[in-house]
Each structure stands twice: as structure tokens, then as C-alpha cells.
């Protein structure tokens, strides 16, 4: 593939960079910009989102017919990386999880009526959404098809949901939900996807789970379903297509995580480079020390390796391939790179990096989840082992 960005995507990338530099990064310097959960304050977010819309930089990932920019997955990789040089970036451009993946799934699989009701309010920034799949032990985690316990039973033209979910990102404050529940015991066709509104009775948030790092808006919540009724018209895709819906959503969504993490890794390098270029020790800048150069050079290389893996997976997704192998490789590598980049940046900044005078400590706590979310690194390594066992030397074939 040719890694040169098209003139249109390069123009968008430059505009996103300028917008982040001028409109978002300054907000990070003011403690008053943060809410109680260490994300951008809601009133500020609304203001910056309006500015992004007016600048024509909104919902990069969606077709133009739905108010997006239709840049393709390769274009998303370039733009998501730029926007997440700021810790606030994804929310400001309406490209943050879980809304991001939910909009893409609905755009691909929803009926026109479902898109109008469930997707467009998210696209327009009027509501936020959540994807409800993960369950506490002994329920589903990385193996939803085999372990999901939340059930949906058909009663007339409605489905009645009972079950228990947790670590549901963005649930507090979300209005639109996509729920995966068991509708049969079929090993591959036993799950079905549904949509429901926060105001519907029959479910509640048990708690917002305290976590190590800063949180997305709406946190990570534990949910109880005790008789939630969902109209059959609000079923997404066919009965039994819940696993397929999950795979469609998570394929690209996993890669968008990697795109965003590369932006945070680059930001960490920027902060470190600025410091070691100016900080004097023993008569010369830290950046002239060989040990510092080795550390910076290694992270710079790792970021580029991650970008190449992401772009390869993005290109395959744009060609219509599922790119499962390529997405797993990117997920493992970029999660490690983000953690190593910010850890190195903190080390080079010394006490300053460990303090809240920079966003490095924020990124460091956030980075630890990268090896867990959307499939732990160990699960993705199992996926790659399965591909290698099936393909042998063809694991490394060229092309699709």
C-alpha cells in the first residue's frame, strides 16, 4: 500500500492539528477545565464541540450522508492520531469510545428508521451512548458466545431482558444503549443485539465502578436488568446475529483505540523532548546524554512500528477485509508502545513528570487499561497463534 495521505486527508490532518493546538491543548493547562472524573468539563465540551462543527471537523468516521466526513479507515487513522495529542481530543470531535463504535455499527447495520432514531442523535452530539456486553464472573468477558448469561426472552412483540453487566463504558449519562443478550443456546447464533433508551423501566445502574485511571464521560458502570422490555422493532440485525454485530463493531473499534493511543504516545514524546532539550544537568542539556538519546530513539521507532501496523490494518478494513490478524497485532503492539512511551517520558521528566504539572501522569494511569480493553493482550496473542497454526508461513503473505 502507499502510505502517502491523499490531499484531502492531509488537509484535514493539518486542520485537526491546528484546532487541537489552538482550541484544546490550552484547556488542559487549567485545572478548572476538568470535571470530578478528570475529563473535560461538560460546558466546555459543548463549546469546543460547537467550534469543531463550525470548523468542519466533526464525526470523521461517518458517511457524509449522516453528517460525517467519510474519510475511510486509513483517513481515520491519520486524524484520530492527531486529535488525541490532547487528552480531551476524542470527545471534542465526536470520535470517542463508545459512541464512536456504536455510530459505525448503526451506520452499517441499522435500518433507516433505526438510524434516524438511535444513531443520528449521537451523531449530532445530542446524546451519548453505551455498548452493553461484558459481565461479571461467571458471565461473558472475552468469550461472549460461550459465556454470556444475560438473557432475552420473546413475549409477543417484545423481548424481556434479565441479567447482570459490568464495566459498561459511558453508561452513566448515556441515553442510547446497544445491548447484547442471549436468545438461544446455539454456539454461534445464540446472541442478539438490541437497543434501548435510558428512560425505559426494568434496569438500573448498580454503581459507577471506581477505577485506577481517569474516566471517559459516564465512567464504567455495573448494570442490573430485571425485566427490561424492548420492542422487536428495536432489535438490531437478525435474531442470532449478536456475535456478528459485536465482531463488526469491535473490529474497527479496536483499531480506533490504537489510533488514539498513538496520539497519546506522540504527545508523551513531545513533552519529554521539550524538557530534555532545555533542562540543563552537569553543564549540558539532558537531550545530549547518550542514555536519553537511546530512550527517545527507541520510543520514536516503536511509535512508527505501531503506525505501520495500524495503517496496514486500516487499509485492509477499507478493502472489505475483516483484518482480524492485523487488528490483533496492532492492538498488542500499540498498547505496549503507549505504556512504554509515557513511562519513558515520566522518567525523563523526573519529579515533574510524576506531578500534575503535565498530563503525563494522567496518560500513564489511562495507558494501563490499553492492555485490557477490547480483548486483553493475551487473548489477541491466542488469536495470532490460531492464525499461525492454520496458515503456517502464509501468515506473512503479501496482500489480502
Protein backbone atom coordinates (compact mmCIF):
# COMPACT_ATOMS: atom_id res chain seq x y z
CA UNK A 1 0.00 0.00 0.00
CA UNK A 2 1.00 3.63 -0.49
CA UNK A 3 1.31 5.41 2.86
CA UNK A 4 1.01 8.86 1.30
CA UNK A 5 -2.16 10.57 2.51
CA UNK A 6 -4.49 11.95 -0.12
CA UNK A 7 -4.52 15.77 -0.42
CA UNK A 8 -7.99 15.81 1.18
CA UNK A 9 -6.93 13.74 4.21
CA UNK A 10 -3.69 15.69 4.60
CA UNK A 11 -5.67 18.93 4.61
CA UNK A 12 -7.99 17.57 7.29
CA UNK A 13 -4.98 16.35 9.30
CA UNK A 14 -3.35 19.77 9.27
CA UNK A 15 -6.62 21.41 10.27
CA UNK A 16 -7.13 18.95 13.14
CA UNK A 17 -3.58 19.61 14.37
CA UNK A 18 -4.15 23.37 14.32
CA UNK A 19 -7.53 23.02 16.04
CA UNK A 20 -6.02 20.86 18.80
CA UNK A 21 -3.11 23.27 19.27
CA UNK A 22 -5.26 26.41 19.41
CA UNK A 23 -8.58 25.26 20.89
CA UNK A 24 -7.98 22.21 23.06
CA UNK A 25 -4.43 22.00 24.42
CA UNK A 26 -4.74 25.32 26.29
CA UNK A 27 -7.70 23.91 28.23
CA UNK A 28 -5.51 21.16 29.68
CA UNK A 29 -3.36 23.76 31.42
CA UNK A 30 -6.26 24.96 33.59
CA UNK A 31 -7.34 22.71 36.46
CA UNK A 32 -10.80 24.26 36.24
CA UNK A 33 -11.28 22.61 32.82
CA UNK A 34 -11.55 19.17 34.44
CA UNK A 35 -14.66 17.56 35.89
CA UNK A 36 -14.70 15.39 39.01
CA UNK A 37 -13.70 12.33 36.97
CA UNK A 38 -10.70 14.03 35.30
CA UNK A 39 -12.21 14.62 31.90
CA UNK A 40 -13.19 17.85 30.17
CA UNK A 41 -16.00 19.73 31.93
CA UNK A 42 -19.38 19.32 30.22
CA UNK A 43 -19.99 23.01 29.49
CA UNK A 44 -16.52 23.38 27.98
CA UNK A 45 -17.04 20.24 25.94
CA UNK A 46 -20.25 21.64 24.44
CA UNK A 47 -18.45 24.84 23.50
CA UNK A 48 -15.48 23.10 21.85
CA UNK A 49 -17.77 20.65 20.04
CA UNK A 50 -19.64 23.57 18.51
CA UNK A 51 -16.33 25.05 17.38
CA UNK A 52 -15.33 21.73 15.81
CA UNK A 53 -18.63 21.57 13.93
CA UNK A 54 -18.19 25.11 12.66
CA UNK A 55 -14.65 24.24 11.52
CA UNK A 56 -15.98 21.29 9.50
CA UNK A 57 -14.14 18.78 11.71
CA UNK A 58 -16.90 16.59 13.07
CA UNK A 59 -17.52 12.82 13.11
CA UNK A 60 -14.68 11.92 10.74
CA UNK A 61 -15.67 8.27 10.68
CA UNK A 62 -19.21 8.51 9.28
CA UNK A 63 -20.54 8.86 5.73
CA UNK A 64 -21.28 12.41 4.63
CA UNK A 65 -24.95 11.48 4.29
CA UNK A 66 -25.07 11.17 8.09
CA UNK A 67 -23.09 14.32 8.86
CA UNK A 68 -19.61 12.84 8.86
CA UNK A 69 -16.52 13.36 6.70
CA UNK A 70 -16.38 9.86 5.14
CA UNK A 71 -12.58 9.66 5.31
CA UNK A 72 -12.33 5.86 5.35
CA UNK A 73 -10.41 3.85 7.93
CA UNK A 74 -7.00 4.98 6.64
CA UNK A 75 -8.14 8.59 6.92
CA UNK A 76 -9.43 7.91 10.41
CA UNK A 77 -6.01 6.58 11.42
CA UNK A 78 -4.34 9.84 10.47
CA UNK A 79 -6.98 12.10 12.01
CA UNK A 80 -7.52 10.13 15.22
CA UNK A 81 -3.80 10.14 15.88
CA UNK A 82 -3.74 13.93 15.51
CA UNK A 83 -6.81 14.59 17.63
CA UNK A 84 -5.59 12.51 20.56
CA UNK A 85 -2.46 14.56 21.03
CA UNK A 86 -4.85 16.10 23.53
CA UNK A 87 -6.36 14.02 26.31
CA UNK A 88 -9.64 15.85 25.57
CA UNK A 89 -9.48 15.41 21.79
CA UNK A 90 -11.73 12.43 21.01
CA UNK A 91 -14.77 13.79 22.87
CA UNK A 92 -14.38 17.18 21.20
CA UNK A 93 -14.56 15.73 17.67
CA UNK A 94 -17.29 13.16 18.47
CA UNK A 95 -14.79 10.35 17.94
CA UNK A 96 -14.57 8.91 21.45
CA UNK A 97 -15.47 5.43 22.58
CA UNK A 98 -18.07 4.07 22.99
CA UNK A 99 -20.06 6.50 20.78
CA UNK A 100 -17.53 6.03 18.00
CA UNK A 101 -18.05 2.29 17.59
CA UNK A 102 -21.80 2.49 18.18
CA UNK A 103 -22.27 5.05 15.41
CA UNK A 104 -20.23 2.98 12.96
CA UNK A 105 -22.18 -0.20 13.78
CA UNK A 106 -25.54 1.53 13.39
CA UNK A 107 -24.45 3.19 10.15
CA UNK A 108 -23.53 -0.20 8.71
CA UNK A 109 -26.31 -2.39 10.10
CA UNK A 110 -29.24 -0.29 11.26
CA UNK A 111 -32.42 0.15 9.25
CA UNK A 112 -33.14 3.69 8.09
CA UNK A 113 -35.71 4.04 10.88
CA UNK A 114 -33.19 2.80 13.45
CA UNK A 115 -30.53 5.17 12.18
CA UNK A 116 -32.90 8.10 12.47
CA UNK A 117 -33.99 7.18 15.99
CA UNK A 118 -30.87 5.72 17.57
CA UNK A 119 -27.84 6.90 15.58
CA UNK A 120 -28.49 10.46 14.45
CA UNK A 121 -28.90 11.93 17.97
CA UNK A 122 -25.44 10.53 18.78
CA UNK A 123 -24.01 11.90 15.54
CA UNK A 124 -25.45 15.32 16.26
CA UNK A 125 -24.00 15.29 19.77
CA UNK A 126 -27.42 15.49 21.43
CA UNK A 127 -26.97 12.24 23.40
CA UNK A 128 -24.21 9.84 24.35
CA UNK A 129 -24.39 6.06 24.10
CA UNK A 130 -23.05 2.86 25.57
CA UNK A 131 -22.35 -0.71 24.44
CA UNK A 132 -23.55 -3.31 26.96
CA UNK A 133 -21.82 -6.68 26.70
CA UNK A 134 -19.30 -7.53 29.46
CA UNK A 135 -20.49 -9.47 32.52
CA UNK A 136 -19.01 -10.39 35.91
CA UNK A 137 -17.84 -13.95 36.55
CA UNK A 138 -19.10 -16.45 35.53
CA UNK A 139 -20.54 -14.41 32.66
CA UNK A 140 -19.02 -13.24 29.41
CA UNK A 141 -15.76 -11.38 29.01
CA UNK A 142 -13.53 -12.19 26.06
CA UNK A 143 -15.78 -15.17 25.20
CA UNK A 144 -19.29 -13.74 24.83
CA UNK A 145 -20.59 -16.54 22.61
CA UNK A 146 -19.76 -19.24 25.12
CA UNK A 147 -20.27 -17.49 28.44
CA UNK A 148 -22.98 -14.82 28.20
CA UNK A 149 -25.65 -15.22 30.88
CA UNK A 150 -27.92 -12.18 30.35
CA UNK A 151 -30.98 -13.49 28.54
CA UNK A 152 -33.65 -12.01 26.31
CA UNK A 153 -36.95 -13.92 26.13
CA UNK A 154 -39.51 -13.25 23.40
CA UNK A 155 -43.01 -12.44 24.67
CA UNK A 156 -45.32 -11.39 21.89
CA UNK A 157 -43.73 -8.49 20.01
CA UNK A 158 -41.40 -7.66 22.91
CA UNK A 159 -38.19 -9.05 24.41
CA UNK A 160 -37.78 -9.22 28.18
CA UNK A 161 -34.21 -8.82 29.45
CA UNK A 162 -32.82 -10.15 32.73
CA UNK A 163 -29.17 -10.22 33.68
CA UNK A 164 -26.10 -8.51 35.08
CA UNK A 165 -23.45 -6.46 33.23
CA UNK A 166 -20.40 -4.54 34.39
CA UNK A 167 -17.56 -2.30 33.22
CA UNK A 168 -20.01 -0.75 30.77
CA UNK A 169 -18.23 2.34 29.49
CA UNK A 170 -20.16 5.58 29.44
CA UNK A 171 -23.33 4.14 30.98
CA UNK A 172 -23.84 6.96 33.48
CA UNK A 173 -25.24 9.82 31.42
CA UNK A 174 -25.78 7.78 28.25
CA UNK A 175 -29.25 7.83 26.72
CA UNK A 176 -28.93 5.26 23.91
CA UNK A 177 -27.71 1.73 24.60
CA UNK A 178 -26.83 -1.25 22.44
CA UNK A 179 -27.26 -4.45 24.44
CA UNK A 180 -26.03 -7.96 23.63
CA UNK A 181 -28.06 -10.74 25.25
CA UNK A 182 -28.52 -14.49 24.87
CA UNK A 183 -31.60 -15.59 22.91
CA UNK A 184 -30.70 -19.27 22.46
CA UNK A 185 -28.01 -21.80 23.35
CA UNK A 186 -26.69 -22.07 19.80
CA UNK A 187 -22.86 -21.90 19.95
CA UNK A 188 -22.56 -19.24 17.23
CA UNK A 189 -26.07 -17.86 16.76
CA UNK A 190 -27.12 -17.65 20.39
CA UNK A 191 -26.74 -13.89 20.89
CA UNK A 192 -28.85 -10.99 19.65
CA UNK A 193 -28.33 -7.21 19.69
CA UNK A 194 -30.99 -4.80 20.98
CA UNK A 195 -31.33 -1.05 21.52
CA UNK A 196 -32.96 0.67 24.45
CA UNK A 197 -33.29 4.16 25.94
CA UNK A 198 -32.11 5.16 29.40
CA UNK A 199 -35.64 6.16 30.41
CA UNK A 200 -37.11 2.70 29.87
CA UNK A 201 -38.01 0.86 33.11
CA UNK A 202 -36.65 -2.55 34.05
CA UNK A 203 -32.96 -1.77 34.50
CA UNK A 204 -30.74 0.37 36.67
CA UNK A 205 -27.13 1.32 37.31
CA UNK A 206 -25.95 -0.54 40.42
CA UNK A 207 -22.80 1.56 40.76
CA UNK A 208 -20.16 3.54 38.91
CA UNK A 209 -17.08 1.37 39.39
CA UNK A 210 -14.06 3.25 40.75
CA UNK A 211 -11.03 2.71 38.52
CA UNK A 212 -7.31 3.43 38.58
CA UNK A 213 -7.25 5.93 35.76
CA UNK A 214 -9.14 8.98 34.56
CA UNK A 215 -12.51 8.15 33.05
CA UNK A 216 -14.48 8.67 29.90
CA UNK A 217 -17.67 10.64 30.39
CA UNK A 218 -20.14 8.30 32.06
CA UNK A 219 -17.49 6.12 33.68
CA UNK A 220 -17.53 2.31 33.80
CA UNK A 221 -20.70 1.00 35.40
CA UNK A 222 -22.36 -2.10 36.77
CA UNK A 223 -25.89 -2.62 35.40
CA UNK A 224 -28.78 -4.81 36.57
CA UNK A 225 -31.59 -5.87 34.19
CA UNK A 226 -34.75 -7.05 35.90
CA UNK A 227 -37.48 -7.20 33.28
CA UNK A 228 -36.47 -4.54 30.75
CA UNK A 229 -38.92 -4.77 27.82
CA UNK A 230 -37.62 -3.97 24.33
CA UNK A 231 -39.83 -3.82 21.24
CA UNK A 232 -38.83 -6.24 18.50
CA UNK A 233 -38.55 -3.21 16.20
CA UNK A 234 -35.58 -2.15 18.35
CA UNK A 235 -33.71 -5.38 17.68
CA UNK A 236 -30.51 -4.67 15.70
CA UNK A 237 -29.91 -7.15 12.86
CA UNK A 238 -31.47 -10.62 12.84
CA UNK A 239 -32.13 -12.83 15.84
CA UNK A 240 -28.90 -14.73 16.45
CA UNK A 241 -26.68 -12.06 14.87
CA UNK A 242 -25.46 -10.61 18.16
CA UNK A 243 -21.98 -12.09 17.88
CA UNK A 244 -21.77 -10.85 14.30
CA UNK A 245 -22.80 -7.36 15.45
CA UNK A 246 -20.12 -7.48 18.14
CA UNK A 247 -17.45 -8.53 15.65
CA UNK A 248 -18.47 -5.83 13.16
CA UNK A 249 -18.35 -3.20 15.87
CA UNK A 250 -15.18 -4.29 17.64
CA UNK A 251 -13.11 -4.91 14.51
CA UNK A 252 -12.83 -1.23 13.64
CA UNK A 253 -13.36 -0.01 17.22
CA UNK A 254 -10.30 -1.91 18.46
CA UNK A 255 -8.24 -0.23 15.78
CA UNK A 256 -9.58 3.23 16.62
CA UNK A 257 -8.26 2.68 20.16
CA UNK A 258 -4.82 2.11 18.65
CA UNK A 259 -5.10 5.24 16.51
CA UNK A 260 -5.92 7.33 19.56
CA UNK A 261 -3.21 5.71 21.69
CA UNK A 262 -0.59 6.63 19.10
CA UNK A 263 -1.62 10.25 19.55
CA UNK A 264 -1.11 9.99 23.30
CA UNK A 265 2.25 8.27 22.80
CA UNK A 266 3.36 11.09 20.49
CA UNK A 267 2.18 13.69 22.99
CA UNK A 268 4.25 11.98 25.68
CA UNK A 269 7.28 12.20 23.41
CA UNK A 270 6.60 15.88 22.72
CA UNK A 271 6.56 16.70 26.42
CA UNK A 272 9.71 14.65 27.05
CA UNK A 273 11.58 16.15 24.11
CA UNK A 274 10.74 19.70 25.13
CA UNK A 275 12.02 19.02 28.64
CA UNK A 276 15.28 17.22 27.79
CA UNK A 277 16.10 19.83 25.14
CA UNK A 278 16.01 22.61 27.74
CA UNK A 279 16.79 21.03 31.08
CA UNK A 280 20.48 21.50 31.96
CA UNK A 281 22.41 18.95 34.02
CA UNK A 282 26.16 18.79 34.55
CA UNK A 283 26.80 21.51 32.02
CA UNK A 284 24.70 20.37 29.06
CA UNK A 285 21.07 19.67 28.09
CA UNK A 286 19.72 16.26 29.11
CA UNK A 287 18.95 15.58 25.47
CA UNK A 288 22.68 15.36 24.71
CA UNK A 289 23.12 12.41 27.05
CA UNK A 290 23.55 9.12 25.21
CA UNK A 291 21.23 7.25 27.56
CA UNK A 292 18.48 9.81 26.93
CA UNK A 293 19.00 9.58 23.17
CA UNK A 294 18.72 5.78 23.32
CA UNK A 295 15.45 6.01 25.24
CA UNK A 296 13.94 8.63 22.92
CA UNK A 297 15.10 6.85 19.78
CA UNK A 298 13.60 3.54 20.90
CA UNK A 299 10.19 5.06 21.60
CA UNK A 300 10.23 7.02 18.32
CA UNK A 301 10.87 3.76 16.46
CA UNK A 302 8.18 1.88 18.40
CA UNK A 303 5.59 4.55 17.60
CA UNK A 304 6.41 4.26 13.90
CA UNK A 305 6.14 0.46 14.06
CA UNK A 306 2.73 0.87 15.67
CA UNK A 307 1.64 3.34 12.99
CA UNK A 308 2.62 0.93 10.23
CA UNK A 309 0.67 -1.89 11.87
CA UNK A 310 -2.36 0.37 12.29
CA UNK A 311 -2.20 1.65 8.72
CA UNK A 312 -1.88 -1.89 7.35
CA UNK A 313 -4.96 -2.99 9.30
CA UNK A 314 -6.83 0.18 8.28
CA UNK A 315 -6.03 -0.41 4.62
CA UNK A 316 -7.31 -3.99 4.81
CA UNK A 317 -10.52 -2.84 6.50
CA UNK A 318 -11.00 -0.30 3.71
CA UNK A 319 -10.66 -3.16 1.21
CA UNK A 320 -13.52 -5.01 2.92
CA UNK A 321 -11.31 -7.48 4.80
CA UNK A 322 -12.06 -8.22 8.47
CA UNK A 323 -8.32 -7.78 9.22
CA UNK A 324 -8.65 -9.79 12.45
CA UNK A 325 -5.00 -10.80 12.44
CA UNK A 326 -3.79 -7.30 11.62
CA UNK A 327 -6.00 -5.62 14.21
CA UNK A 328 -4.79 -8.05 16.90
CA UNK A 329 -1.16 -7.32 16.06
CA UNK A 330 -1.77 -3.57 16.20
CA UNK A 331 -3.70 -3.87 19.46
CA UNK A 332 -0.88 -5.73 21.22
CA UNK A 333 1.95 -3.58 19.89
CA UNK A 334 0.36 -0.16 20.33
CA UNK A 335 -0.88 -0.90 23.84
CA UNK A 336 2.70 -1.73 24.83
CA UNK A 337 4.06 1.31 22.98
CA UNK A 338 1.71 3.72 24.73
CA UNK A 339 2.66 2.39 28.14
CA UNK A 340 6.40 2.47 27.34
CA UNK A 341 6.22 5.93 25.78
CA UNK A 342 4.57 7.61 28.73
CA UNK A 343 6.68 5.67 31.24
CA UNK A 344 9.83 6.86 29.46
CA UNK A 345 8.53 10.43 29.30
CA UNK A 346 7.84 10.43 33.05
CA UNK A 347 11.30 9.06 33.76
CA UNK A 348 12.96 11.73 31.63
CA UNK A 349 10.89 14.48 33.25
CA UNK A 350 11.74 13.26 36.75
CA UNK A 351 9.58 14.63 39.55
CA UNK A 352 7.90 17.00 37.09
CA UNK A 353 6.58 14.00 35.13
CA UNK A 354 5.23 12.37 38.27
CA UNK A 355 3.41 15.57 39.27
CA UNK A 356 0.25 17.03 37.81
CA UNK A 357 2.21 19.89 36.22
CA UNK A 358 1.98 17.93 32.95
CA UNK A 359 -0.61 15.47 31.62
CA UNK A 360 1.92 12.62 31.71
CA UNK A 361 0.61 11.15 34.96
CA UNK A 362 -2.94 11.31 33.53
CA UNK A 363 -1.80 9.46 30.39
CA UNK A 364 0.18 6.95 32.48
CA UNK A 365 -2.85 5.90 34.52
CA UNK A 366 -5.03 5.84 31.42
CA UNK A 367 -2.47 3.79 29.48
CA UNK A 368 -2.67 0.77 31.78
CA UNK A 369 -6.13 -0.10 30.51
CA UNK A 370 -4.84 -0.39 26.93
CA UNK A 371 -3.65 -3.94 27.57
CA UNK A 372 -7.12 -4.91 28.85
CA UNK A 373 -9.88 -3.15 26.90
CA UNK A 374 -11.49 -4.76 23.84
CA UNK A 375 -9.65 -8.00 24.49
CA UNK A 376 -6.65 -8.45 26.74
CA UNK A 377 -3.27 -8.69 25.03
CA UNK A 378 -3.11 -12.38 25.94
CA UNK A 379 -6.36 -13.06 24.07
CA UNK A 380 -5.05 -11.32 20.96
CA UNK A 381 -1.86 -13.38 21.16
CA UNK A 382 -4.06 -16.51 21.23
CA UNK A 383 -5.82 -15.20 18.10
CA UNK A 384 -2.47 -14.76 16.35
CA UNK A 385 -1.34 -18.23 17.39
CA UNK A 386 -4.54 -19.65 15.91
CA UNK A 387 -3.89 -17.87 12.62
CA UNK A 388 -0.30 -19.11 12.53
CA UNK A 389 -1.33 -22.70 13.24
CA UNK A 390 -3.85 -22.51 10.40
CA UNK A 391 -1.70 -20.63 7.88
CA UNK A 392 1.90 -21.60 8.60
CA UNK A 393 4.27 -19.49 6.50
CA UNK A 394 1.26 -17.92 4.76
CA UNK A 395 0.75 -15.97 8.00
CA UNK A 396 3.18 -13.46 6.45
CA UNK A 397 1.73 -13.46 2.91
CA UNK A 398 1.61 -10.22 0.97
CA UNK A 399 -1.69 -8.57 0.10
CA UNK A 400 -5.18 -9.52 1.22
